[in-house]
């Protein structure tokens, strides 16, 4: 059992700085702030518990809960459980469209869209299932689409939009108005199971307010591996992908036709140019603990030039893409790549990447990749892209096991924790300072799918278990305008 008391008593904020003064965190439990050098004063601030007692937030912020697991959607199906990655898009008449993942498998014990015993599974839906589970256990993962009015803070519509996949963990939005959902699995169609087809692919879901289930077309050229998340460079259409494994790689997919991923392309893995086969995880081996002078972790702020190596046999029947890339071609090794999001704080843009259990304390790292101005062209070698270890706190009171993340309209990161204790939304400024923004007050479930509405007024986030989506509103300007000292 997780120790809630110690976390509440000794929680140290990573820095709300002077903004925390103006927000005035009010609530029923005291919290000690740890001052990060360069930030403002450090009195004890508190969270204000919201009326629904799902999230504790700074004073002035509220959270509206909606689309809970088991509710009946507008297509007559149930809201599936396992709410996970998510993105927001502009919809008709100023509305926001959300596309949301559901990290479910094929089982009779999960709350899926088709009811407890799949009694709501009709032929019209069956024809849209990627894997019907041999007619016995249909795969329950996939996506739902929601239409939300940020002006009135009301849900107008929600419905199933992809069906028959499994473990849809995260994904990413595209500039051409689709959602790429990722299967975090390498499940194969095997005789002793009910699975009819192999899993471990990405799928593309059109963004629409109309009730419709997308055709489940696996994007096989993007690779079959333990997918987590993707992010697209709007300038080039190149898709960057993370892999949730302890020895994962960072991939990029160069489409033959930008915006048409099903038309195929080239899969590559990241290699640090001067450190072939580099291990970026900063884990300390037993021998390095005995002989600490042999331990040479990557320091925070270190920047490396990178290059990309081709990956073959991308459908990976033996689940060996990461072995092929690291041992065979010198690609860099990462510690459970999870969330990735595109930002525009630099001229060429940048991608922020969460490595969930990286660092000497296994508490997580955030990396930043800045593409070359000649990305994926013959001139790329002249001015290569760069990889930087952005933050590695090694302190669970600052950040514990980063998972999904997003970039705010003002350039900060919002990180969803997925650790063993209380879960928080953690903010990170462009300078690398951390602050706690919200706390899961209802249970110990991970937070997931953080994403801002196109109008910038609302931060959406999921509580994965028991499956709830929340819309957070409040005085964002007070966070944007907080001074650094």
Protein backbone atom coordinates (compact mmCIF):
# COMPACT_ATOMS: atom_id res chain seq x y z
CA UNK A 1 0.00 0.00 0.00
CA UNK A 2 1.27 3.48 -0.83
CA UNK A 3 2.09 5.78 2.06
CA UNK A 4 -0.21 8.75 1.58
CA UNK A 5 0.68 10.33 4.94
CA UNK A 6 4.38 10.72 4.30
CA UNK A 7 3.73 12.14 0.84
CA UNK A 8 1.27 14.70 2.18
CA UNK A 9 3.46 15.70 5.10
CA UNK A 10 6.71 16.00 3.22
CA UNK A 11 5.56 17.05 -0.22
CA UNK A 12 8.03 19.63 -1.52
CA UNK A 13 6.92 21.73 -4.40
CA UNK A 14 9.50 22.10 -7.12
CA UNK A 15 8.75 25.84 -7.33
CA UNK A 16 5.62 27.80 -7.87
CA UNK A 17 7.72 30.85 -7.18
CA UNK A 18 6.02 34.20 -6.90
CA UNK A 19 3.06 32.82 -8.84
CA UNK A 20 2.37 30.54 -5.92
CA UNK A 21 2.03 33.63 -3.74
CA UNK A 22 -0.64 35.10 -5.96
CA UNK A 23 -2.42 31.74 -6.32
CA UNK A 24 -2.37 31.37 -2.56
CA UNK A 25 -2.87 27.57 -2.44
CA UNK A 26 -5.62 27.15 0.15
CA UNK A 27 -6.78 23.81 1.55
CA UNK A 28 -6.94 21.39 4.43
CA UNK A 29 -3.41 19.97 4.38
CA UNK A 30 -0.08 21.75 4.74
CA UNK A 31 2.63 21.34 2.13
CA UNK A 32 6.28 22.28 2.42
CA UNK A 33 7.85 23.92 -0.62
CA UNK A 34 11.40 23.20 -1.61
CA UNK A 35 13.00 26.29 -3.12
CA UNK A 36 14.81 25.79 -6.39
CA UNK A 37 17.68 28.25 -6.91
CA UNK A 38 16.60 31.18 -9.03
CA UNK A 39 12.97 31.13 -7.94
CA UNK A 40 11.14 33.27 -5.46
CA UNK A 41 10.07 32.97 -1.81
CA UNK A 42 9.30 29.70 -0.08
CA UNK A 43 6.46 29.91 2.45
CA UNK A 44 4.10 26.92 2.84
CA UNK A 45 1.36 26.94 0.19
CA UNK A 46 -1.61 24.64 -0.06
CA UNK A 47 -4.00 23.10 -2.57
CA UNK A 48 -7.67 23.95 -2.64
CA UNK A 49 -9.75 20.73 -2.73
CA UNK A 50 -12.33 20.80 -5.53
CA UNK A 51 -15.98 20.05 -4.71
CA UNK A 52 -15.88 16.67 -6.48
CA UNK A 53 -12.74 15.76 -4.48
CA UNK A 54 -11.06 14.30 -7.56
CA UNK A 55 -8.27 16.85 -7.94
CA UNK A 56 -6.72 19.32 -5.54
CA UNK A 57 -5.85 22.51 -7.40
CA UNK A 58 -4.50 26.01 -6.71
CA UNK A 59 -7.02 28.53 -5.44
CA UNK A 60 -9.18 29.89 -8.24
CA UNK A 61 -8.98 26.73 -10.36
CA UNK A 62 -11.83 24.25 -10.77
CA UNK A 63 -12.23 20.84 -12.41
CA UNK A 64 -15.36 19.64 -14.22
CA UNK A 65 -15.63 15.83 -14.41
CA UNK A 66 -17.36 14.12 -17.33
CA UNK A 67 -17.43 11.02 -19.57
CA UNK A 68 -16.96 8.49 -16.79
CA UNK A 69 -16.48 4.78 -17.38
CA UNK A 70 -19.81 2.99 -17.80
CA UNK A 71 -21.86 6.02 -18.83
CA UNK A 72 -23.98 5.61 -21.95
CA UNK A 73 -22.56 7.53 -24.91
CA UNK A 74 -24.44 9.10 -27.79
CA UNK A 75 -23.95 6.00 -29.95
CA UNK A 76 -25.63 3.83 -27.32
CA UNK A 77 -22.35 2.22 -26.21
CA UNK A 78 -20.64 2.50 -22.84
CA UNK A 79 -17.73 4.80 -22.05
CA UNK A 80 -14.84 2.30 -21.97
CA UNK A 81 -12.43 2.26 -19.04
CA UNK A 82 -8.69 2.83 -18.99
CA UNK A 83 -8.71 6.50 -20.06
CA UNK A 84 -5.20 7.34 -21.28
CA UNK A 85 -3.53 9.56 -23.93
CA UNK A 86 -5.60 12.34 -25.48
CA UNK A 87 -5.44 15.45 -27.67
CA UNK A 88 -7.68 18.43 -28.33
CA UNK A 89 -8.67 19.91 -31.69
CA UNK A 90 -10.79 22.85 -32.89
CA UNK A 91 -14.34 21.75 -33.62
CA UNK A 92 -17.41 23.33 -35.21
CA UNK A 93 -18.83 26.57 -33.77
CA UNK A 94 -15.91 27.09 -31.41
CA UNK A 95 -16.28 23.70 -29.74
CA UNK A 96 -13.36 21.45 -28.79
CA UNK A 97 -13.03 17.90 -30.08
CA UNK A 98 -11.12 15.45 -27.90
CA UNK A 99 -9.87 12.07 -29.07
CA UNK A 100 -9.08 9.79 -26.14
CA UNK A 101 -7.32 6.44 -25.84
CA UNK A 102 -8.46 3.47 -23.79
CA UNK A 103 -5.75 1.14 -22.50
CA UNK A 104 -7.76 -2.10 -22.47
CA UNK A 105 -7.10 -5.65 -23.64
CA UNK A 106 -9.34 -8.59 -24.59
CA UNK A 107 -10.92 -9.73 -21.36
CA UNK A 108 -14.29 -10.31 -19.78
CA UNK A 109 -13.22 -8.34 -16.70
CA UNK A 110 -12.78 -4.86 -18.18
CA UNK A 111 -15.52 -2.30 -18.70
CA UNK A 112 -15.48 -1.91 -22.47
CA UNK A 113 -17.74 -0.06 -24.88
CA UNK A 114 -19.95 -3.11 -25.44
CA UNK A 115 -21.16 -3.72 -21.88
CA UNK A 116 -20.19 -6.30 -19.30
CA UNK A 117 -20.83 -9.30 -21.56
CA UNK A 118 -20.43 -7.50 -24.88
CA UNK A 119 -24.20 -7.51 -25.27
CA UNK A 120 -24.03 -4.19 -27.14
CA UNK A 121 -21.74 -5.55 -29.84
CA UNK A 122 -23.76 -5.33 -33.06
CA UNK A 123 -22.85 -6.36 -36.60
CA UNK A 124 -22.37 -2.74 -37.65
CA UNK A 125 -19.66 -2.43 -34.99
CA UNK A 126 -18.22 -5.92 -35.50
CA UNK A 127 -17.34 -5.03 -39.09
CA UNK A 128 -15.19 -2.16 -37.75
CA UNK A 129 -13.25 -4.21 -35.20
CA UNK A 130 -9.55 -4.62 -35.88
CA UNK A 131 -9.57 -7.85 -33.86
CA UNK A 132 -12.88 -9.52 -33.03
CA UNK A 133 -11.16 -12.05 -30.80
CA UNK A 134 -12.30 -15.12 -32.73
CA UNK A 135 -15.88 -14.26 -31.81
CA UNK A 136 -15.14 -14.98 -28.15
CA UNK A 137 -13.20 -12.07 -26.63
CA UNK A 138 -13.23 -8.96 -28.82
CA UNK A 139 -10.35 -6.59 -28.17
CA UNK A 140 -11.68 -3.73 -26.06
CA UNK A 141 -9.06 -1.04 -26.63
CA UNK A 142 -9.47 1.83 -29.05
CA UNK A 143 -10.51 5.46 -28.91
CA UNK A 144 -13.50 7.60 -28.10
CA UNK A 145 -14.23 11.06 -29.46
CA UNK A 146 -15.81 13.82 -27.38
CA UNK A 147 -17.27 17.20 -28.31
CA UNK A 148 -16.91 19.72 -25.49
CA UNK A 149 -18.03 23.35 -25.12
CA UNK A 150 -15.36 25.27 -23.19
CA UNK A 151 -17.62 28.32 -22.89
CA UNK A 152 -20.36 26.49 -20.98
CA UNK A 153 -18.11 23.72 -19.62
CA UNK A 154 -20.44 21.02 -20.91
CA UNK A 155 -19.97 17.75 -22.78
CA UNK A 156 -22.14 17.78 -25.88
CA UNK A 157 -21.36 14.39 -27.39
CA UNK A 158 -19.13 11.32 -26.98
CA UNK A 159 -18.86 8.14 -29.03
CA UNK A 160 -16.62 5.22 -29.98
CA UNK A 161 -14.23 6.16 -32.82
CA UNK A 162 -11.80 3.17 -33.09
CA UNK A 163 -12.45 -0.38 -31.96
CA UNK A 164 -10.81 -3.77 -31.67
CA UNK A 165 -7.27 -2.77 -30.73
CA UNK A 166 -5.50 -3.36 -27.41
CA UNK A 167 -3.54 -1.31 -24.91
CA UNK A 168 -4.04 2.04 -26.64
CA UNK A 169 -1.75 3.89 -24.29
CA UNK A 170 -0.77 7.22 -25.80
CA UNK A 171 -0.35 8.60 -29.30
CA UNK A 172 -0.20 12.06 -30.80
CA UNK A 173 -2.02 14.69 -32.80
CA UNK A 174 -1.16 15.53 -36.40
CA UNK A 175 -1.19 18.85 -38.30
CA UNK A 176 -3.64 17.32 -40.78
CA UNK A 177 -6.36 16.91 -38.14
CA UNK A 178 -6.07 13.27 -37.15
CA UNK A 179 -5.08 11.38 -34.01
CA UNK A 180 -2.48 8.62 -34.11
CA UNK A 181 -3.24 6.05 -31.43
CA UNK A 182 -0.52 3.62 -30.36
CA UNK A 183 -0.76 0.02 -29.19
CA UNK A 184 1.60 -0.63 -26.28
CA UNK A 185 1.95 -4.35 -26.88
CA UNK A 186 3.65 -7.00 -28.99
CA UNK A 187 0.74 -9.45 -28.79
CA UNK A 188 0.74 -11.93 -31.67
CA UNK A 189 -2.03 -13.98 -33.22
CA UNK A 190 -1.27 -17.35 -31.67
CA UNK A 191 -3.15 -20.63 -31.63
CA UNK A 192 -3.52 -20.70 -27.85
CA UNK A 193 -5.14 -17.25 -27.75
CA UNK A 194 -8.28 -15.68 -29.21
CA UNK A 195 -6.30 -12.97 -31.03
CA UNK A 196 -6.90 -13.10 -34.77
CA UNK A 197 -4.18 -10.67 -35.90
CA UNK A 198 -0.87 -9.34 -34.67
CA UNK A 199 -0.86 -6.18 -32.54
CA UNK A 200 1.78 -3.55 -31.83
CA UNK A 201 0.89 -0.94 -34.45
CA UNK A 202 -0.21 2.65 -34.80
CA UNK A 203 -3.68 3.52 -36.14
CA UNK A 204 -4.96 6.84 -37.47
CA UNK A 205 -8.31 8.25 -36.36
CA UNK A 206 -9.96 11.15 -38.25
CA UNK A 207 -11.08 14.03 -36.04
CA UNK A 208 -14.78 14.60 -36.53
CA UNK A 209 -17.85 15.60 -34.52
CA UNK A 210 -19.90 13.06 -36.49
CA UNK A 211 -20.55 9.68 -34.88
CA UNK A 212 -18.49 7.15 -36.81
CA UNK A 213 -15.99 4.36 -36.14
CA UNK A 214 -12.76 4.69 -38.13
CA UNK A 215 -11.51 1.95 -40.43
CA UNK A 216 -8.85 0.11 -38.36
CA UNK A 217 -5.86 0.24 -40.70
CA UNK A 218 -2.54 -0.64 -39.02
CA UNK A 219 0.27 1.69 -40.07
CA UNK A 220 2.76 -1.13 -40.48
CA UNK A 221 5.57 0.89 -42.05
CA UNK A 222 5.82 2.89 -38.80
CA UNK A 223 7.08 -0.23 -37.07
CA UNK A 224 5.71 -2.94 -34.84
CA UNK A 225 7.01 -2.44 -31.32
CA UNK A 226 5.83 -1.53 -27.83
CA UNK A 227 4.52 1.85 -28.95
CA UNK A 228 3.84 4.65 -26.51
CA UNK A 229 3.49 8.07 -28.10
CA UNK A 230 4.18 10.05 -31.26
CA UNK A 231 4.65 13.69 -32.20
CA UNK A 232 4.70 15.24 -35.67
CA UNK A 233 6.90 18.08 -36.87
CA UNK A 234 4.43 20.43 -38.59
CA UNK A 235 7.18 21.74 -40.89
CA UNK A 236 8.23 18.38 -42.34
CA UNK A 237 5.51 15.87 -41.52
CA UNK A 238 8.12 13.60 -39.90
CA UNK A 239 6.72 11.52 -37.04
CA UNK A 240 8.83 10.92 -33.91
CA UNK A 241 7.97 7.85 -31.84
CA UNK A 242 8.70 6.55 -28.34
CA UNK A 243 8.90 2.96 -27.13
CA UNK A 244 7.91 1.90 -23.63
CA UNK A 245 10.68 -0.54 -22.81
CA UNK A 246 13.56 -0.38 -20.34
CA UNK A 247 15.99 -0.54 -23.27
CA UNK A 248 13.94 1.44 -25.77
CA UNK A 249 14.94 3.47 -28.81
CA UNK A 250 13.78 6.80 -30.18
CA UNK A 251 12.40 6.45 -33.70
CA UNK A 252 11.48 8.77 -36.53
CA UNK A 253 9.24 7.88 -39.45
CA UNK A 254 9.82 9.74 -42.71
CA UNK A 255 6.61 9.33 -44.74
CA UNK A 256 6.75 8.88 -48.49
CA UNK A 257 3.98 11.45 -48.67
CA UNK A 258 3.73 13.87 -45.73
CA UNK A 259 0.27 13.64 -44.24
CA UNK A 260 -0.39 10.21 -45.76
CA UNK A 261 1.09 7.75 -43.29
CA UNK A 262 -0.63 4.73 -44.80
CA UNK A 263 1.38 5.33 -48.00
CA UNK A 264 4.51 4.03 -46.27
CA UNK A 265 7.88 5.53 -45.51
CA UNK A 266 11.22 4.95 -43.81
CA UNK A 267 11.73 4.00 -40.15
CA UNK A 268 14.92 5.13 -38.42
CA UNK A 269 16.39 5.16 -34.90
CA UNK A 270 18.35 7.90 -33.15
CA UNK A 271 22.10 7.50 -32.69
CA UNK A 272 24.32 9.95 -30.82
CA UNK A 273 26.95 10.84 -33.36
CA UNK A 274 30.04 10.60 -31.16
CA UNK A 275 28.75 7.93 -28.75
CA UNK A 276 27.71 4.85 -30.68
CA UNK A 277 25.43 2.61 -28.64
CA UNK A 278 25.08 5.27 -25.94
CA UNK A 279 23.14 4.44 -22.78
CA UNK A 280 21.23 7.60 -21.79
CA UNK A 281 19.42 6.03 -18.84
CA UNK A 282 21.98 7.09 -16.20
CA UNK A 283 21.36 3.90 -14.28
CA UNK A 284 24.19 2.91 -11.95
CA UNK A 285 25.30 -0.71 -12.11
CA UNK A 286 26.37 -2.74 -9.09
CA UNK A 287 30.00 -2.47 -10.11
CA UNK A 288 29.72 1.29 -10.55
CA UNK A 289 28.37 1.56 -7.02
CA UNK A 290 31.43 -0.31 -5.79
CA UNK A 291 33.74 1.74 -8.00
CA UNK A 292 31.87 5.05 -8.27
CA UNK A 293 34.64 6.74 -10.27
CA UNK A 294 33.66 4.51 -13.21
CA UNK A 295 30.12 5.95 -13.25
CA UNK A 296 29.77 8.69 -15.88
CA UNK A 297 26.14 9.74 -16.14
CA UNK A 298 24.92 12.20 -18.75
CA UNK A 299 24.79 15.59 -16.98
CA UNK A 300 21.68 17.74 -17.14
CA UNK A 301 22.05 20.31 -19.90
CA UNK A 302 24.49 18.19 -21.93
CA UNK A 303 23.79 18.48 -25.66
CA UNK A 304 24.71 15.92 -28.30
CA UNK A 305 24.65 15.96 -32.08
CA UNK A 306 22.62 13.04 -33.40
CA UNK A 307 22.23 11.04 -36.56
CA UNK A 308 19.65 8.51 -37.64
CA UNK A 309 20.12 4.89 -38.74
CA UNK A 310 17.76 2.87 -40.92
CA UNK A 311 15.72 0.08 -39.33
CA UNK A 312 14.86 -2.98 -41.42
CA UNK A 313 12.25 -5.70 -41.01
CA UNK A 314 10.02 -3.15 -39.33
CA UNK A 315 7.16 -5.56 -38.57
CA UNK A 316 9.55 -7.30 -36.17
CA UNK A 317 8.11 -10.81 -35.74
CA UNK A 318 10.81 -11.46 -33.13
CA UNK A 319 10.29 -8.18 -31.24
CA UNK A 320 13.88 -7.11 -31.90
CA UNK A 321 13.82 -3.61 -33.39
CA UNK A 322 15.51 -2.12 -30.34
CA UNK A 323 18.17 -4.85 -30.39
CA UNK A 324 18.76 -4.33 -34.09
CA UNK A 325 19.11 -0.58 -33.56
CA UNK A 326 21.24 -0.56 -30.40
CA UNK A 327 23.49 -3.60 -30.69
CA UNK A 328 23.60 -3.73 -34.46
CA UNK A 329 23.70 -0.07 -35.43
CA UNK A 330 24.71 1.89 -32.35
CA UNK A 331 21.39 3.60 -31.70
CA UNK A 332 21.03 5.23 -28.28
CA UNK A 333 19.25 3.38 -25.49
CA UNK A 334 16.54 5.12 -23.41
CA UNK A 335 14.72 4.31 -20.17
CA UNK A 336 11.07 3.67 -21.07
CA UNK A 337 10.27 6.37 -23.58
CA UNK A 338 6.71 7.54 -22.97
CA UNK A 339 5.17 10.97 -23.62
CA UNK A 340 6.44 13.16 -26.47
CA UNK A 341 5.10 16.56 -27.55
CA UNK A 342 6.12 19.20 -30.05
CA UNK A 343 6.89 22.73 -28.84
CA UNK A 344 7.85 25.92 -30.61
CA UNK A 345 10.16 27.70 -28.18
CA UNK A 346 13.02 27.59 -30.70
CA UNK A 347 13.38 28.47 -34.38
CA UNK A 348 13.23 24.86 -35.55
CA UNK A 349 10.81 23.72 -32.85
CA UNK A 350 11.66 21.02 -30.32
CA UNK A 351 10.30 17.76 -29.00
CA UNK A 352 10.07 17.03 -25.26
CA UNK A 353 10.39 13.34 -24.42
CA UNK A 354 9.57 11.66 -21.10
CA UNK A 355 11.68 8.68 -20.03
CA UNK A 356 9.69 7.30 -17.16
CA UNK A 357 12.32 5.58 -15.05
CA UNK A 358 15.50 7.22 -16.26
CA UNK A 359 18.05 8.71 -13.87
CA UNK A 360 20.14 7.39 -11.02
CA UNK A 361 17.05 7.36 -8.77
CA UNK A 362 14.82 5.82 -11.48
CA UNK A 363 12.39 8.74 -11.06
CA UNK A 364 12.39 9.96 -14.64
CA UNK A 365 14.06 12.22 -17.18
CA UNK A 366 12.83 14.73 -19.72
CA UNK A 367 14.88 14.98 -22.92
CA UNK A 368 14.67 17.65 -25.59
CA UNK A 369 15.29 16.95 -29.26
CA UNK A 370 15.80 19.92 -31.61
CA UNK A 371 15.57 18.90 -35.27
CA UNK A 372 18.11 19.95 -37.86
CA UNK A 373 17.04 22.79 -40.16
CA UNK A 374 17.77 20.18 -42.85
CA UNK A 375 16.07 17.28 -41.09
CA UNK A 376 15.99 14.10 -43.18
CA UNK A 377 17.70 15.71 -46.18
CA UNK A 378 21.13 15.25 -47.73
CA UNK A 379 22.34 18.36 -45.84
CA UNK A 380 21.37 17.07 -42.38
CA UNK A 381 24.93 16.02 -41.57
CA UNK A 382 26.17 19.61 -41.99
CA UNK A 383 23.94 20.83 -39.13
CA UNK A 384 22.57 17.82 -37.27
CA UNK A 385 19.71 17.75 -34.83
CA UNK A 386 20.61 17.85 -31.14
CA UNK A 387 19.56 15.90 -28.07
CA UNK A 388 19.72 17.45 -24.59
CA UNK A 389 18.99 16.05 -21.15
CA UNK A 390 16.55 18.78 -20.12
CA UNK A 391 15.80 17.71 -16.52
CA UNK A 392 16.54 14.75 -14.26
CA UNK A 393 15.36 15.67 -10.75
CA UNK A 394 16.17 12.34 -9.02
CA UNK A 395 13.77 13.39 -6.27
CA UNK A 396 10.25 11.97 -6.13
CA UNK A 397 9.06 15.10 -4.31
CA UNK A 398 9.83 17.09 -7.45
CA UNK A 399 8.81 14.59 -10.13
CA UNK A 400 8.09 10.88 -9.99
CA UNK A 401 7.94 8.80 -13.16
CA UNK A 402 6.87 11.18 -15.90
CA UNK A 403 4.44 9.68 -18.41
CA UNK A 404 2.20 11.68 -20.75
CA UNK A 405 3.13 15.32 -21.21
CA UNK A 406 2.00 18.38 -23.13
CA UNK A 407 3.30 21.86 -23.91
CA UNK A 408 1.21 24.73 -22.56
CA UNK A 409 0.22 27.74 -24.68
CA UNK A 410 2.88 29.79 -22.85
CA UNK A 411 5.70 27.26 -23.27
CA UNK A 412 5.77 25.34 -19.96
CA UNK A 413 5.41 21.58 -19.85
CA UNK A 414 2.64 19.83 -17.95
CA UNK A 415 3.71 16.31 -17.00
CA UNK A 416 1.43 13.48 -15.85
CA UNK A 417 2.98 11.34 -13.14
CA UNK A 418 2.68 7.56 -13.09
CA UNK A 419 4.54 6.58 -9.96
CA UNK A 420 3.93 4.30 -6.96
CA UNK A 421 2.61 7.01 -4.63
CA UNK A 422 0.37 10.05 -4.97
CA UNK A 423 0.09 11.34 -8.52
CA UNK A 424 0.52 14.96 -9.58
CA UNK A 425 0.47 17.17 -12.61
CA UNK A 426 3.94 18.72 -12.62
CA UNK A 427 4.80 21.92 -14.46
CA UNK A 428 8.22 22.63 -15.91
CA UNK A 429 9.27 26.06 -17.15
CA UNK A 430 11.42 26.54 -20.28
CA UNK A 431 14.33 27.17 -17.87
CA UNK A 432 13.82 23.74 -16.27
CA UNK A 433 12.22 24.79 -12.96
CA UNK A 434 9.55 22.42 -11.62
CA UNK A 435 6.29 23.10 -9.80
CA UNK A 436 3.34 20.99 -8.71
CA UNK A 437 0.07 22.08 -10.29
CA UNK A 438 -2.52 19.46 -9.31
CA UNK A 439 -2.87 16.39 -7.11
CA UNK A 440 -5.05 13.33 -7.66
CA UNK A 441 -7.09 13.49 -4.47
CA UNK A 442 -9.51 10.67 -5.29
CA UNK A 443 -7.22 7.66 -5.55
CA UNK A 444 -3.69 6.57 -6.44
CA UNK A 445 -4.34 6.16 -10.17
CA UNK A 446 -2.04 7.64 -12.75
CA UNK A 447 -2.98 10.88 -14.50
CA UNK A 448 -2.92 10.81 -18.28
CA UNK A 449 -3.76 12.63 -21.50
CA UNK A 450 -3.05 16.22 -20.48
CA UNK A 451 -3.91 18.56 -23.34
CA UNK A 452 -5.05 22.17 -23.70
CA UNK A 453 -8.13 23.27 -25.62
CA UNK A 454 -7.38 25.23 -28.81
CA UNK A 455 -8.67 28.42 -27.17
CA UNK A 456 -6.22 27.98 -24.28
CA UNK A 457 -8.88 28.21 -21.59
CA UNK A 458 -9.07 24.60 -20.50
CA UNK A 459 -6.63 21.87 -19.54
CA UNK A 460 -8.10 18.42 -20.03
CA UNK A 461 -6.69 15.42 -18.18
CA UNK A 462 -7.73 11.85 -17.42
CA UNK A 463 -7.71 9.85 -14.22
CA UNK A 464 -7.08 6.42 -15.68
CA UNK A 465 -8.80 4.39 -13.01
CA UNK A 466 -11.73 4.31 -12.74
CA UNK A 467 -11.82 6.31 -15.93
CA UNK A 468 -12.79 9.98 -15.68
CA UNK A 469 -11.98 13.00 -17.85
CA UNK A 470 -11.66 16.43 -16.25
CA UNK A 471 -11.66 19.96 -17.64
CA UNK A 472 -9.56 22.35 -15.53
CA UNK A 473 -10.14 26.09 -15.76
CA UNK A 474 -8.85 29.06 -13.81
CA UNK A 475 -6.49 32.06 -13.82
CA UNK A 476 -3.85 30.69 -16.19
CA UNK A 477 -2.47 34.20 -16.62
CA UNK A 478 -1.21 34.11 -13.04
CA UNK A 479 0.99 31.15 -13.88
CA UNK A 480 2.11 32.62 -17.21
CA UNK A 481 3.07 35.91 -15.55
CA UNK A 482 4.87 34.55 -12.53
CA UNK A 483 8.22 36.30 -12.15
CA UNK A 484 11.55 34.52 -11.88
CA UNK A 485 13.96 35.98 -9.34
